[in-house]
Amino acid sequence: MDKQQAEKIKLRGEVAIRELVSILDVDHLETQCGEAEFLAVKRGIGLAIGIIDTELLSVVYAQYPELDPIKE
Protein backbone atom coordinates (compact mmCIF):
# COMPACT_ATOMS: atom_id res chain seq x y z
CA MET A 1 0.00 0.00 0.00
CA ASP A 2 1.18 3.52 -0.59
CA LYS A 3 1.09 6.20 2.08
CA GLN A 4 -2.14 7.77 0.85
CA GLN A 5 -3.89 4.40 1.07
CA ALA A 6 -2.40 3.84 4.52
CA GLU A 7 -3.72 7.20 5.72
CA LYS A 8 -7.22 6.32 4.46
CA ILE A 9 -7.10 2.90 6.11
CA LYS A 10 -5.94 4.49 9.38
CA LEU A 11 -8.73 7.05 9.25
CA ARG A 12 -11.41 4.45 8.56
CA GLY A 13 -10.05 2.19 11.28
CA GLU A 14 -10.17 5.05 13.78
CA VAL A 15 -13.72 5.92 12.70
CA ALA A 16 -14.76 2.29 13.15
CA ILE A 17 -13.31 2.29 16.67
CA ARG A 18 -15.17 5.48 17.57
CA GLU A 19 -18.40 3.99 16.21
CA LEU A 20 -17.92 0.85 18.27
CA VAL A 21 -17.30 2.88 21.43
CA SER A 22 -20.44 4.92 20.71
CA ILE A 23 -22.53 1.76 21.08
CA LEU A 24 -22.08 2.14 24.83
CA ASP A 25 -23.99 5.44 24.64
CA VAL A 26 -27.09 3.93 23.04
CA ASP A 27 -30.23 5.06 24.89
CA HIS A 28 -29.38 4.13 28.48
CA LEU A 29 -28.03 0.74 27.43
CA GLU A 30 -26.15 0.24 30.69
CA THR A 31 -29.16 0.88 32.89
CA GLN A 32 -31.78 -0.87 30.74
CA CYS A 33 -30.14 -4.24 30.30
CA GLY A 34 -28.80 -6.66 32.83
CA GLU A 35 -25.24 -6.46 34.09
CA ALA A 36 -24.22 -9.70 32.34
CA GLU A 37 -25.71 -8.53 29.06
CA PHE A 38 -23.99 -5.14 29.27
CA LEU A 39 -20.67 -6.79 30.10
CA ALA A 40 -21.09 -9.07 27.08
CA VAL A 41 -21.70 -6.05 24.85
CA LYS A 42 -18.63 -4.30 26.30
CA ARG A 43 -16.56 -7.42 25.77
CA GLY A 44 -17.69 -7.71 22.15
CA ILE A 45 -16.83 -4.08 21.54
CA GLY A 46 -13.43 -4.56 23.15
CA LEU A 47 -12.68 -7.64 21.06
CA ALA A 48 -13.69 -5.86 17.85
CA ILE A 49 -11.52 -2.86 18.70
CA GLY A 50 -8.62 -5.16 19.53
CA ILE A 51 -8.88 -6.87 16.15
CA ILE A 52 -9.00 -3.56 14.31
CA ASP A 53 -5.93 -2.42 16.23
CA THR A 54 -3.85 -5.58 15.97
CA GLU A 55 -4.90 -6.86 12.55
CA LEU A 56 -5.43 -3.63 10.62
CA LEU A 57 -3.85 -0.57 12.17
CA SER A 58 -0.68 -2.40 13.22
CA VAL A 59 -0.12 -3.34 9.56
CA VAL A 60 -0.35 0.34 8.61
CA TYR A 61 1.92 1.41 11.46
CA ALA A 62 4.50 -1.26 10.65
CA GLN A 63 4.87 0.13 7.15
CA TYR A 64 4.38 3.81 8.06
CA PRO A 65 5.42 4.29 11.72
CA GLU A 66 5.00 8.04 11.36
CA LEU A 67 1.22 7.48 11.17
CA ASP A 68 1.15 5.85 14.60
CA PRO A 69 -0.22 8.45 17.05
CA ILE A 70 1.56 6.77 19.96
CA LYS A 71 4.95 7.26 18.33
CA GLU A 72 4.39 10.98 17.69
PDB file of N, CA and C in Angstrom:
ATOM      1  N   MET A   1       0.852  -1.181   0.000  1.00  0.00           N
ATOM      2  CA  MET A   1       0.000   0.000   0.000  1.00  0.00           C
ATOM      3  C   MET A   1       0.892   1.237   0.000  1.00  0.00           C
ATOM      4  N   ASP A   2       0.416   2.275  -0.640  1.00  0.00           N
ATOM      5  CA  ASP A   2       1.181   3.521  -0.591  1.00  0.00           C
ATOM      6  C   ASP A   2       0.714   4.331   0.622  1.00  0.00           C
ATOM      7  N   LYS A   3       1.377   5.436   0.872  1.00  0.00           N
ATOM      8  CA  LYS A   3       1.094   6.202   2.083  1.00  0.00           C
ATOM      9  C   LYS A   3      -0.319   6.781   2.076  1.00  0.00           C
ATOM     10  N   GLN A   4      -0.788   7.214   0.921  1.00  0.00           N
ATOM     11  CA  GLN A   4      -2.144   7.771   0.846  1.00  0.00           C
ATOM     12  C   GLN A   4      -3.184   6.700   1.205  1.00  0.00           C
ATOM     13  N   GLN A   5      -2.987   5.502   0.715  1.00  0.00           N
ATOM     14  CA  GLN A   5      -3.891   4.403   1.068  1.00  0.00           C
ATOM     15  C   GLN A   5      -3.805   4.103   2.562  1.00  0.00           C
ATOM     16  N   ALA A   6      -2.603   4.100   3.094  1.00  0.00           N
ATOM     17  CA  ALA A   6      -2.402   3.836   4.518  1.00  0.00           C
ATOM     18  C   ALA A   6      -3.117   4.875   5.373  1.00  0.00           C
ATOM     19  N   GLU A   7      -3.046   6.132   4.973  1.00  0.00           N
ATOM     20  CA  GLU A   7      -3.724   7.196   5.720  1.00  0.00           C
ATOM     21  C   GLU A   7      -5.238   6.994   5.704  1.00  0.00           C
ATOM     22  N   LYS A   8      -5.771   6.570   4.554  1.00  0.00           N
ATOM     23  CA  LYS A   8      -7.220   6.325   4.465  1.00  0.00           C
ATOM     24  C   LYS A   8      -7.626   5.127   5.314  1.00  0.00           C
ATOM     25  N   ILE A   9      -6.822   4.078   5.287  1.00  0.00           N
ATOM     26  CA  ILE A   9      -7.102   2.901   6.113  1.00  0.00           C
ATOM     27  C   ILE A   9      -7.064   3.268   7.590  1.00  0.00           C
ATOM     28  N   LYS A  10      -6.056   4.044   7.983  1.00  0.00           N
ATOM     29  CA  LYS A  10      -5.940   4.493   9.379  1.00  0.00           C
ATOM     30  C   LYS A  10      -7.180   5.285   9.782  1.00  0.00           C
ATOM     31  N   LEU A  11      -7.570   6.219   8.947  1.00  0.00           N
ATOM     32  CA  LEU A  11      -8.731   7.051   9.253  1.00  0.00           C
ATOM     33  C   LEU A  11      -9.995   6.206   9.406  1.00  0.00           C
ATOM     34  N   ARG A  12     -10.206   5.292   8.484  1.00  0.00           N
ATOM     35  CA  ARG A  12     -11.411   4.450   8.559  1.00  0.00           C
ATOM     36  C   ARG A  12     -11.369   3.503   9.753  1.00  0.00           C
ATOM     37  N   GLY A  13     -10.191   3.019  10.088  1.00  0.00           N
ATOM     38  CA  GLY A  13     -10.052   2.188  11.278  1.00  0.00           C
ATOM     39  C   GLY A  13     -10.378   2.960  12.536  1.00  0.00           C
ATOM     40  N   GLU A  14      -9.885   4.205  12.609  1.00  0.00           N
ATOM     41  CA  GLU A  14     -10.165   5.045  13.777  1.00  0.00           C
ATOM     42  C   GLU A  14     -11.651   5.389  13.863  1.00  0.00           C
ATOM     43  N   VAL A  15     -12.277   5.644  12.722  1.00  0.00           N
ATOM     44  CA  VAL A  15     -13.721   5.923  12.704  1.00  0.00           C
ATOM     45  C   VAL A  15     -14.496   4.691  13.182  1.00  0.00           C
ATOM     46  N   ALA A  16     -14.095   3.529  12.725  1.00  0.00           N
ATOM     47  CA  ALA A  16     -14.755   2.294  13.150  1.00  0.00           C
ATOM     48  C   ALA A  16     -14.649   2.114  14.664  1.00  0.00           C
ATOM     49  N   ILE A  17     -13.492   2.399  15.226  1.00  0.00           N
ATOM     50  CA  ILE A  17     -13.305   2.285  16.670  1.00  0.00           C
ATOM     51  C   ILE A  17     -14.220   3.263  17.405  1.00  0.00           C
ATOM     52  N   ARG A  18     -14.283   4.498  16.923  1.00  0.00           N
ATOM     53  CA  ARG A  18     -15.175   5.482  17.569  1.00  0.00           C
ATOM     54  C   ARG A  18     -16.634   5.034  17.489  1.00  0.00           C
ATOM     55  N   GLU A  19     -17.031   4.485  16.359  1.00  0.00           N
ATOM     56  CA  GLU A  19     -18.402   3.994  16.207  1.00  0.00           C
ATOM     57  C   GLU A  19     -18.684   2.852  17.187  1.00  0.00           C
ATOM     58  N   LEU A  20     -17.740   1.956  17.324  1.00  0.00           N
ATOM     59  CA  LEU A  20     -17.919   0.849  18.270  1.00  0.00           C
ATOM     60  C   LEU A  20     -18.061   1.371  19.696  1.00  0.00           C
ATOM     61  N   VAL A  21     -17.224   2.308  20.080  1.00  0.00           N
ATOM     62  CA  VAL A  21     -17.302   2.879  21.434  1.00  0.00           C
ATOM     63  C   VAL A  21     -18.647   3.570  21.636  1.00  0.00           C
ATOM     64  N   SER A  22     -19.169   4.196  20.586  1.00  0.00           N
ATOM     65  CA  SER A  22     -20.437   4.923  20.710  1.00  0.00           C
ATOM     66  C   SER A  22     -21.619   3.997  21.001  1.00  0.00           C
ATOM     67  N   ILE A  23     -21.457   2.713  20.745  1.00  0.00           N
ATOM     68  CA  ILE A  23     -22.526   1.761  21.075  1.00  0.00           C
ATOM     69  C   ILE A  23     -22.852   1.824  22.563  1.00  0.00           C
ATOM     70  N   LEU A  24     -21.865   2.085  23.378  1.00  0.00           N
ATOM     71  CA  LEU A  24     -22.079   2.140  24.825  1.00  0.00           C
ATOM     72  C   LEU A  24     -22.979   3.302  25.241  1.00  0.00           C
ATOM     73  N   ASP A  25     -23.143   4.279  24.350  1.00  0.00           N
ATOM     74  CA  ASP A  25     -23.986   5.437  24.645  1.00  0.00           C
ATOM     75  C   ASP A  25     -25.414   5.283  24.146  1.00  0.00           C
ATOM     76  N   VAL A  26     -25.761   4.129  23.599  1.00  0.00           N
ATOM     77  CA  VAL A  26     -27.095   3.931  23.035  1.00  0.00           C
ATOM     78  C   VAL A  26     -28.145   3.971  24.147  1.00  0.00           C
ATOM     79  N   ASP A  27     -29.037   4.921  24.058  1.00  0.00           N
ATOM     80  CA  ASP A  27     -30.232   5.056  24.892  1.00  0.00           C
ATOM     81  C   ASP A  27     -30.222   4.291  26.215  1.00  0.00           C
ATOM     82  N   HIS A  28     -29.399   4.701  27.132  1.00  0.00           N
ATOM     83  CA  HIS A  28     -29.381   4.127  28.481  1.00  0.00           C
ATOM     84  C   HIS A  28     -29.124   2.623  28.477  1.00  0.00           C
ATOM     85  N   LEU A  29     -28.304   2.173  27.573  1.00  0.00           N
ATOM     86  CA  LEU A  29     -28.030   0.741  27.433  1.00  0.00           C
ATOM     87  C   LEU A  29     -27.597   0.119  28.759  1.00  0.00           C
ATOM     88  N   GLU A  30     -26.693   0.800  29.448  1.00  0.00           N
ATOM     89  CA  GLU A  30     -26.148   0.235  30.688  1.00  0.00           C
ATOM     90  C   GLU A  30     -27.215   0.041  31.748  1.00  0.00           C
ATOM     91  N   THR A  31     -28.142   0.968  31.833  1.00  0.00           N
ATOM     92  CA  THR A  31     -29.157   0.878  32.887  1.00  0.00           C
ATOM     93  C   THR A  31     -30.374   0.060  32.477  1.00  0.00           C
ATOM     94  N   GLN A  32     -30.564  -0.183  31.193  1.00  0.00           N
ATOM     95  CA  GLN A  32     -31.775  -0.868  30.742  1.00  0.00           C
ATOM     96  C   GLN A  32     -31.568  -2.340  30.422  1.00  0.00           C
ATOM     97  N   CYS A  33     -30.343  -2.805  30.484  1.00  0.00           N
ATOM     98  CA  CYS A  33     -30.137  -4.240  30.297  1.00  0.00           C
ATOM     99  C   CYS A  33     -29.414  -4.782  31.531  1.00  0.00           C
ATOM    100  N   GLY A  34     -29.428  -6.061  31.664  1.00  0.00           N
ATOM    101  CA  GLY A  34     -28.798  -6.663  32.829  1.00  0.00           C
ATOM    102  C   GLY A  34     -27.279  -6.481  32.804  1.00  0.00           C
ATOM    103  N   GLU A  35     -26.689  -6.638  33.967  1.00  0.00           N
ATOM    104  CA  GLU A  35     -25.241  -6.462  34.088  1.00  0.00           C
ATOM    105  C   GLU A  35     -24.481  -7.437  33.183  1.00  0.00           C
ATOM    106  N   ALA A  36     -24.894  -8.687  33.171  1.00  0.00           N
ATOM    107  CA  ALA A  36     -24.217  -9.695  32.344  1.00  0.00           C
ATOM    108  C   ALA A  36     -24.332  -9.353  30.862  1.00  0.00           C
ATOM    109  N   GLU A  37     -25.509  -8.897  30.465  1.00  0.00           N
ATOM    110  CA  GLU A  37     -25.713  -8.534  29.059  1.00  0.00           C
ATOM    111  C   GLU A  37     -24.849  -7.335  28.682  1.00  0.00           C
ATOM    112  N   PHE A  38     -24.805  -6.327  29.539  1.00  0.00           N
ATOM    113  CA  PHE A  38     -23.993  -5.143  29.272  1.00  0.00           C
ATOM    114  C   PHE A  38     -22.515  -5.505  29.213  1.00  0.00           C
ATOM    115  N   LEU A  39     -22.074  -6.362  30.126  1.00  0.00           N
ATOM    116  CA  LEU A  39     -20.669  -6.787  30.098  1.00  0.00           C
ATOM    117  C   LEU A  39     -20.354  -7.565  28.818  1.00  0.00           C
ATOM    118  N   ALA A  40     -21.298  -8.343  28.335  1.00  0.00           N
ATOM    119  CA  ALA A  40     -21.093  -9.074  27.079  1.00  0.00           C
ATOM    120  C   ALA A  40     -20.967  -8.107  25.902  1.00  0.00           C
ATOM    121  N   VAL A  41     -21.788  -7.068  25.901  1.00  0.00           N
ATOM    122  CA  VAL A  41     -21.695  -6.049  24.851  1.00  0.00           C
ATOM    123  C   VAL A  41     -20.337  -5.348  24.929  1.00  0.00           C
ATOM    124  N   LYS A  42     -19.934  -4.960  26.125  1.00  0.00           N
ATOM    125  CA  LYS A  42     -18.631  -4.304  26.298  1.00  0.00           C
ATOM    126  C   LYS A  42     -17.490  -5.198  25.847  1.00  0.00           C
ATOM    127  N   ARG A  43     -17.593  -6.465  26.167  1.00  0.00           N
ATOM    128  CA  ARG A  43     -16.556  -7.415  25.771  1.00  0.00           C
ATOM    129  C   ARG A  43     -16.488  -7.531  24.246  1.00  0.00           C
ATOM    130  N   GLY A  44     -17.645  -7.634  23.613  1.00  0.00           N
ATOM    131  CA  GLY A  44     -17.691  -7.713  22.154  1.00  0.00           C
ATOM    132  C   GLY A  44     -17.086  -6.486  21.498  1.00  0.00           C
ATOM    133  N   ILE A  45     -17.398  -5.330  22.046  1.00  0.00           N
ATOM    134  CA  ILE A  45     -16.828  -4.081  21.535  1.00  0.00           C
ATOM    135  C   ILE A  45     -15.311  -4.095  21.712  1.00  0.00           C
ATOM    136  N   GLY A  46     -14.866  -4.503  22.880  1.00  0.00           N
ATOM    137  CA  GLY A  46     -13.429  -4.555  23.148  1.00  0.00           C
ATOM    138  C   GLY A  46     -12.697  -5.511  22.216  1.00  0.00           C
ATOM    139  N   LEU A  47     -13.300  -6.671  21.970  1.00  0.00           N
ATOM    140  CA  LEU A  47     -12.684  -7.636  21.057  1.00  0.00           C
ATOM    141  C   LEU A  47     -12.605  -7.079  19.638  1.00  0.00           C
ATOM    142  N   ALA A  48     -13.681  -6.443  19.199  1.00  0.00           N
ATOM    143  CA  ALA A  48     -13.693  -5.864  17.855  1.00  0.00           C
ATOM    144  C   ALA A  48     -12.640  -4.766  17.714  1.00  0.00           C
ATOM    145  N   ILE A  49     -12.536  -3.917  18.721  1.00  0.00           N
ATOM    146  CA  ILE A  49     -11.524  -2.860  18.697  1.00  0.00           C
ATOM    147  C   ILE A  49     -10.126  -3.469  18.686  1.00  0.00           C
ATOM    148  N   GLY A  50      -9.930  -4.500  19.486  1.00  0.00           N
ATOM    149  CA  GLY A  50      -8.620  -5.162  19.528  1.00  0.00           C
ATOM    150  C   GLY A  50      -8.225  -5.727  18.180  1.00  0.00           C
ATOM    151  N   ILE A  51      -9.177  -6.321  17.477  1.00  0.00           N
ATOM    152  CA  ILE A  51      -8.881  -6.869  16.152  1.00  0.00           C
ATOM    153  C   ILE A  51      -8.544  -5.755  15.163  1.00  0.00           C
ATOM    154  N   ILE A  52      -9.303  -4.686  15.195  1.00  0.00           N
ATOM    155  CA  ILE A  52      -8.997  -3.558  14.310  1.00  0.00           C
ATOM    156  C   ILE A  52      -7.591  -3.044  14.592  1.00  0.00           C
ATOM    157  N   ASP A  53      -7.245  -2.933  15.858  1.00  0.00           N
ATOM    158  CA  ASP A  53      -5.929  -2.418  16.233  1.00  0.00           C
ATOM    159  C   ASP A  53      -4.805  -3.373  15.841  1.00  0.00           C
ATOM    160  N   THR A  54      -4.962  -4.647  16.171  1.00  0.00           N
ATOM    161  CA  THR A  54      -3.852  -5.580  15.970  1.00  0.00           C
ATOM    162  C   THR A  54      -3.768  -6.144  14.563  1.00  0.00           C
ATOM    163  N   GLU A  55      -4.898  -6.244  13.871  1.00  0.00           N
ATOM    164  CA  GLU A  55      -4.901  -6.864  12.547  1.00  0.00           C
ATOM    165  C   GLU A  55      -4.968  -5.865  11.400  1.00  0.00           C
ATOM    166  N   LEU A  56      -5.314  -4.629  11.681  1.00  0.00           N
ATOM    167  CA  LEU A  56      -5.431  -3.629  10.621  1.00  0.00           C
ATOM    168  C   LEU A  56      -4.469  -2.467  10.851  1.00  0.00           C
ATOM    169  N   LEU A  57      -4.671  -1.758  11.940  1.00  0.00           N
ATOM    170  CA  LEU A  57      -3.850  -0.569  12.174  1.00  0.00           C
ATOM    171  C   LEU A  57      -2.379  -0.917  12.376  1.00  0.00           C
ATOM    172  N   SER A  58      -2.092  -2.035  13.010  1.00  0.00           N
ATOM    173  CA  SER A  58      -0.683  -2.400  13.220  1.00  0.00           C
ATOM    174  C   SER A  58       0.031  -2.661  11.896  1.00  0.00           C
ATOM    175  N   VAL A  59      -0.697  -3.134  10.892  1.00  0.00           N
ATOM    176  CA  VAL A  59      -0.116  -3.337   9.560  1.00  0.00           C
ATOM    177  C   VAL A  59       0.267  -1.985   8.957  1.00  0.00           C
ATOM    178  N   VAL A  60      -0.619  -1.016   9.099  1.00  0.00           N
ATOM    179  CA  VAL A  60      -0.350   0.335   8.613  1.00  0.00           C
ATOM    180  C   VAL A  60       0.851   0.922   9.340  1.00  0.00           C
ATOM    181  N   TYR A  61       0.854   0.809  10.667  1.00  0.00           N
ATOM    182  CA  TYR A  61       1.920   1.414  11.462  1.00  0.00           C
ATOM    183  C   TYR A  61       3.265   0.735  11.243  1.00  0.00           C
ATOM    184  N   ALA A  62       3.249  -0.555  10.921  1.00  0.00           N
ATOM    185  CA  ALA A  62       4.503  -1.257  10.645  1.00  0.00           C
ATOM    186  C   ALA A  62       5.160  -0.703   9.383  1.00  0.00           C
ATOM    187  N   GLN A  63       4.329  -0.382   8.400  1.00  0.00           N
ATOM    188  CA  GLN A  63       4.870   0.131   7.148  1.00  0.00           C
ATOM    189  C   GLN A  63       5.112   1.641   7.201  1.00  0.00           C
ATOM    190  N   TYR A  64       4.281   2.348   7.954  1.00  0.00           N
ATOM    191  CA  TYR A  64       4.384   3.805   8.064  1.00  0.00           C
ATOM    192  C   TYR A  64       4.333   4.205   9.539  1.00  0.00           C
ATOM    193  N   PRO A  65       5.425   4.001  10.273  1.00  0.00           N
ATOM    194  CA  PRO A  65       5.416   4.291  11.717  1.00  0.00           C
ATOM    195  C   PRO A  65       5.083   5.743  12.044  1.00  0.00           C
ATOM    196  N   GLU A  66       5.305   6.626  11.113  1.00  0.00           N
ATOM    197  CA  GLU A  66       4.999   8.040  11.357  1.00  0.00           C
ATOM    198  C   GLU A  66       3.493   8.290  11.456  1.00  0.00           C
ATOM    199  N   LEU A  67       2.670   7.347  11.041  1.00  0.00           N
ATOM    200  CA  LEU A  67       1.219   7.484  11.169  1.00  0.00           C
ATOM    201  C   LEU A  67       0.707   7.018  12.531  1.00  0.00           C
ATOM    202  N   ASP A  68       1.545   6.361  13.294  1.00  0.00           N
ATOM    203  CA  ASP A  68       1.152   5.852  14.602  1.00  0.00           C
ATOM    204  C   ASP A  68       1.092   7.000  15.600  1.00  0.00           C
ATOM    205  N   PRO A  69      -0.107   7.317  16.127  1.00  0.00           N
ATOM    206  CA  PRO A  69      -0.223   8.450  17.048  1.00  0.00           C
ATOM    207  C   PRO A  69       0.549   8.251  18.359  1.00  0.00           C
ATOM    208  N   ILE A  70       0.808   7.028  18.727  1.00  0.00           N
ATOM    209  CA  ILE A  70       1.561   6.767  19.962  1.00  0.00           C
ATOM    210  C   ILE A  70       3.029   7.111  19.793  1.00  0.00           C
ATOM    211  N   LYS A  71       3.530   6.991  18.594  1.00  0.00           N
ATOM    212  CA  LYS A  71       4.946   7.261  18.325  1.00  0.00           C
ATOM    213  C   LYS A  71       5.237   8.724  18.054  1.00  0.00           C
ATOM    214  N   GLU A  72       4.182   9.552  17.990  1.00  0.00           N
ATOM    215  CA  GLU A  72       4.386  10.983  17.690  1.00  0.00           C
ATOM    216  C   GLU A  72       5.036  11.689  18.846  1.00  0.00           C
TER     217      GLU A  72
END
